[in-house]
């Protein structure tokens, strides 16, 4: 897990998916060593980040994108089509 947290993100989940995240954390979080649901989400995100780097960036870390380089909020329904 990250040891310093200079930035934050807010992931968006459907109600159903959010319920599954909470249920998984309550059922297995302690046994898996997660202190919080945020820690579980962070671990999953970092695993996916490494997978994407292997697939699209020759396994190297990405060049960091500065704060403000992403549009805030969720994509609109039109953008999701």
C-alpha atoms as a PDB file:
ATOM      1  CA  UNK A   1       0.000   0.000   0.000  1.00  0.00           C
ATOM      2  CA  UNK A   2       1.026   3.605  -0.433  1.00  0.00           C
ATOM      3  CA  UNK A   3       2.734   5.041   2.609  1.00  0.00           C
ATOM      4  CA  UNK A   4       1.999   8.654   1.784  1.00  0.00           C
ATOM      5  CA  UNK A   5      -1.267  10.048   0.507  1.00  0.00           C
ATOM      6  CA  UNK A   6      -0.696  13.454  -1.101  1.00  0.00           C
ATOM      7  CA  UNK A   7      -3.656  13.068  -3.460  1.00  0.00           C
ATOM      8  CA  UNK A   8      -7.006  11.346  -3.411  1.00  0.00           C
ATOM      9  CA  UNK A   9      -9.558   9.979  -5.829  1.00  0.00           C
ATOM     10  CA  UNK A  10     -13.195   9.148  -5.385  1.00  0.00           C
ATOM     11  CA  UNK A  11     -14.174   5.989  -7.216  1.00  0.00           C
ATOM     12  CA  UNK A  12     -17.790   5.732  -8.312  1.00  0.00           C
ATOM     13  CA  UNK A  13     -19.654   2.434  -8.079  1.00  0.00           C
ATOM     14  CA  UNK A  14     -23.204   1.438  -8.873  1.00  0.00           C
ATOM     15  CA  UNK A  15     -25.303   0.727  -5.784  1.00  0.00           C
ATOM     16  CA  UNK A  16     -25.005  -3.001  -6.493  1.00  0.00           C
ATOM     17  CA  UNK A  17     -21.228  -2.906  -6.918  1.00  0.00           C
ATOM     18  CA  UNK A  18     -20.795  -0.720  -3.823  1.00  0.00           C
ATOM     19  CA  UNK A  19     -22.801  -3.267  -1.853  1.00  0.00           C
ATOM     20  CA  UNK A  20     -20.509  -6.022  -3.115  1.00  0.00           C
ATOM     21  CA  UNK A  21     -17.388  -4.039  -2.156  1.00  0.00           C
ATOM     22  CA  UNK A  22     -18.733  -3.494   1.360  1.00  0.00           C
ATOM     23  CA  UNK A  23     -19.806  -7.145   1.677  1.00  0.00           C
ATOM     24  CA  UNK A  24     -16.412  -8.430   0.503  1.00  0.00           C
ATOM     25  CA  UNK A  25     -14.633  -6.155   2.947  1.00  0.00           C
ATOM     26  CA  UNK A  26     -16.863  -7.200   5.841  1.00  0.00           C
ATOM     27  CA  UNK A  27     -16.526 -10.895   4.986  1.00  0.00           C
ATOM     28  CA  UNK A  28     -12.835 -11.102   4.144  1.00  0.00           C
ATOM     29  CA  UNK A  29     -11.141  -7.752   4.745  1.00  0.00           C
ATOM     30  CA  UNK A  30      -9.721  -8.594   8.158  1.00  0.00           C
ATOM     31  CA  UNK A  31      -8.568 -12.069   7.065  1.00  0.00           C
ATOM     32  CA  UNK A  32      -6.836 -10.530   4.029  1.00  0.00           C
ATOM     33  CA  UNK A  33      -5.177  -7.821   6.110  1.00  0.00           C
ATOM     34  CA  UNK A  34      -7.170  -4.809   4.940  1.00  0.00           C
ATOM     35  CA  UNK A  35      -7.690  -2.193   7.648  1.00  0.00           C
ATOM     36  CA  UNK A  36     -10.325  -0.296   5.648  1.00  0.00           C
ATOM     37  CA  UNK A  37     -12.418  -0.535   2.529  1.00  0.00           C
ATOM     38  CA  UNK A  38     -10.236   2.241   1.075  1.00  0.00           C
ATOM     39  CA  UNK A  39      -7.187   0.029   1.559  1.00  0.00           C
ATOM     40  CA  UNK A  40      -8.945  -2.803  -0.302  1.00  0.00           C
ATOM     41  CA  UNK A  41      -9.855  -0.481  -3.190  1.00  0.00           C
ATOM     42  CA  UNK A  42      -6.312   0.904  -3.275  1.00  0.00           C
ATOM     43  CA  UNK A  43      -4.771  -2.582  -3.425  1.00  0.00           C
ATOM     44  CA  UNK A  44      -7.098  -3.633  -6.244  1.00  0.00           C
ATOM     45  CA  UNK A  45      -6.389  -0.444  -8.175  1.00  0.00           C
ATOM     46  CA  UNK A  46      -2.621  -0.822  -7.826  1.00  0.00           C
ATOM     47  CA  UNK A  47      -2.816  -4.442  -9.055  1.00  0.00           C
ATOM     48  CA  UNK A  48      -4.709  -3.253 -12.128  1.00  0.00           C
ATOM     49  CA  UNK A  49      -2.215  -0.429 -12.635  1.00  0.00           C
ATOM     50  CA  UNK A  50       0.646  -2.949 -12.728  1.00  0.00           C
ATOM     51  CA  UNK A  51      -1.304  -5.132 -15.188  1.00  0.00           C
ATOM     52  CA  UNK A  52      -1.925  -2.181 -17.490  1.00  0.00           C
ATOM     53  CA  UNK A  53       1.733  -1.139 -17.289  1.00  0.00           C
ATOM     54  CA  UNK A  54       2.807  -4.657 -18.296  1.00  0.00           C
ATOM     55  CA  UNK A  55       0.372  -4.647 -21.209  1.00  0.00           C
ATOM     56  CA  UNK A  56       0.736  -1.083 -22.483  1.00  0.00           C
ATOM     57  CA  UNK A  57       3.979   0.359 -21.063  1.00  0.00           C
ATOM     58  CA  UNK A  58       6.539  -2.478 -21.348  1.00  0.00           C
ATOM     59  CA  UNK A  59       6.109  -3.139 -17.612  1.00  0.00           C
ATOM     60  CA  UNK A  60       7.536   0.242 -16.659  1.00  0.00           C
ATOM     61  CA  UNK A  61       5.954   2.715 -14.298  1.00  0.00           C
ATOM     62  CA  UNK A  62       3.939   5.398 -16.045  1.00  0.00           C
ATOM     63  CA  UNK A  63       5.123   8.966 -16.247  1.00  0.00           C
ATOM     64  CA  UNK A  64       3.027  10.634 -13.520  1.00  0.00           C
ATOM     65  CA  UNK A  65       0.122  12.769 -14.680  1.00  0.00           C
ATOM     66  CA  UNK A  66      -0.107  16.007 -12.691  1.00  0.00           C
ATOM     67  CA  UNK A  67      -3.125  16.981 -10.588  1.00  0.00           C
ATOM     68  CA  UNK A  68      -5.741  18.668 -12.703  1.00  0.00           C
ATOM     69  CA  UNK A  69      -4.933  16.617 -15.816  1.00  0.00           C
ATOM     70  CA  UNK A  70      -8.104  14.550 -15.403  1.00  0.00           C
ATOM     71  CA  UNK A  71     -11.573  15.889 -15.814  1.00  0.00           C
ATOM     72  CA  UNK A  72     -13.355  15.762 -12.431  1.00  0.00           C
ATOM     73  CA  UNK A  73     -16.420  13.636 -11.857  1.00  0.00           C
ATOM     74  CA  UNK A  74     -18.043  10.775 -13.656  1.00  0.00           C
ATOM     75  CA  UNK A  75     -18.474  10.545 -17.383  1.00  0.00           C
ATOM     76  CA  UNK A  76     -21.903  11.490 -18.586  1.00  0.00           C
ATOM     77  CA  UNK A  77     -24.258   8.811 -19.891  1.00  0.00           C
ATOM     78  CA  UNK A  78     -23.682  10.135 -23.389  1.00  0.00           C
ATOM     79  CA  UNK A  79     -19.909   9.769 -22.991  1.00  0.00           C
ATOM     80  CA  UNK A  80     -20.346   6.201 -21.753  1.00  0.00           C
ATOM     81  CA  UNK A  81     -22.101   5.162 -24.975  1.00  0.00           C
END
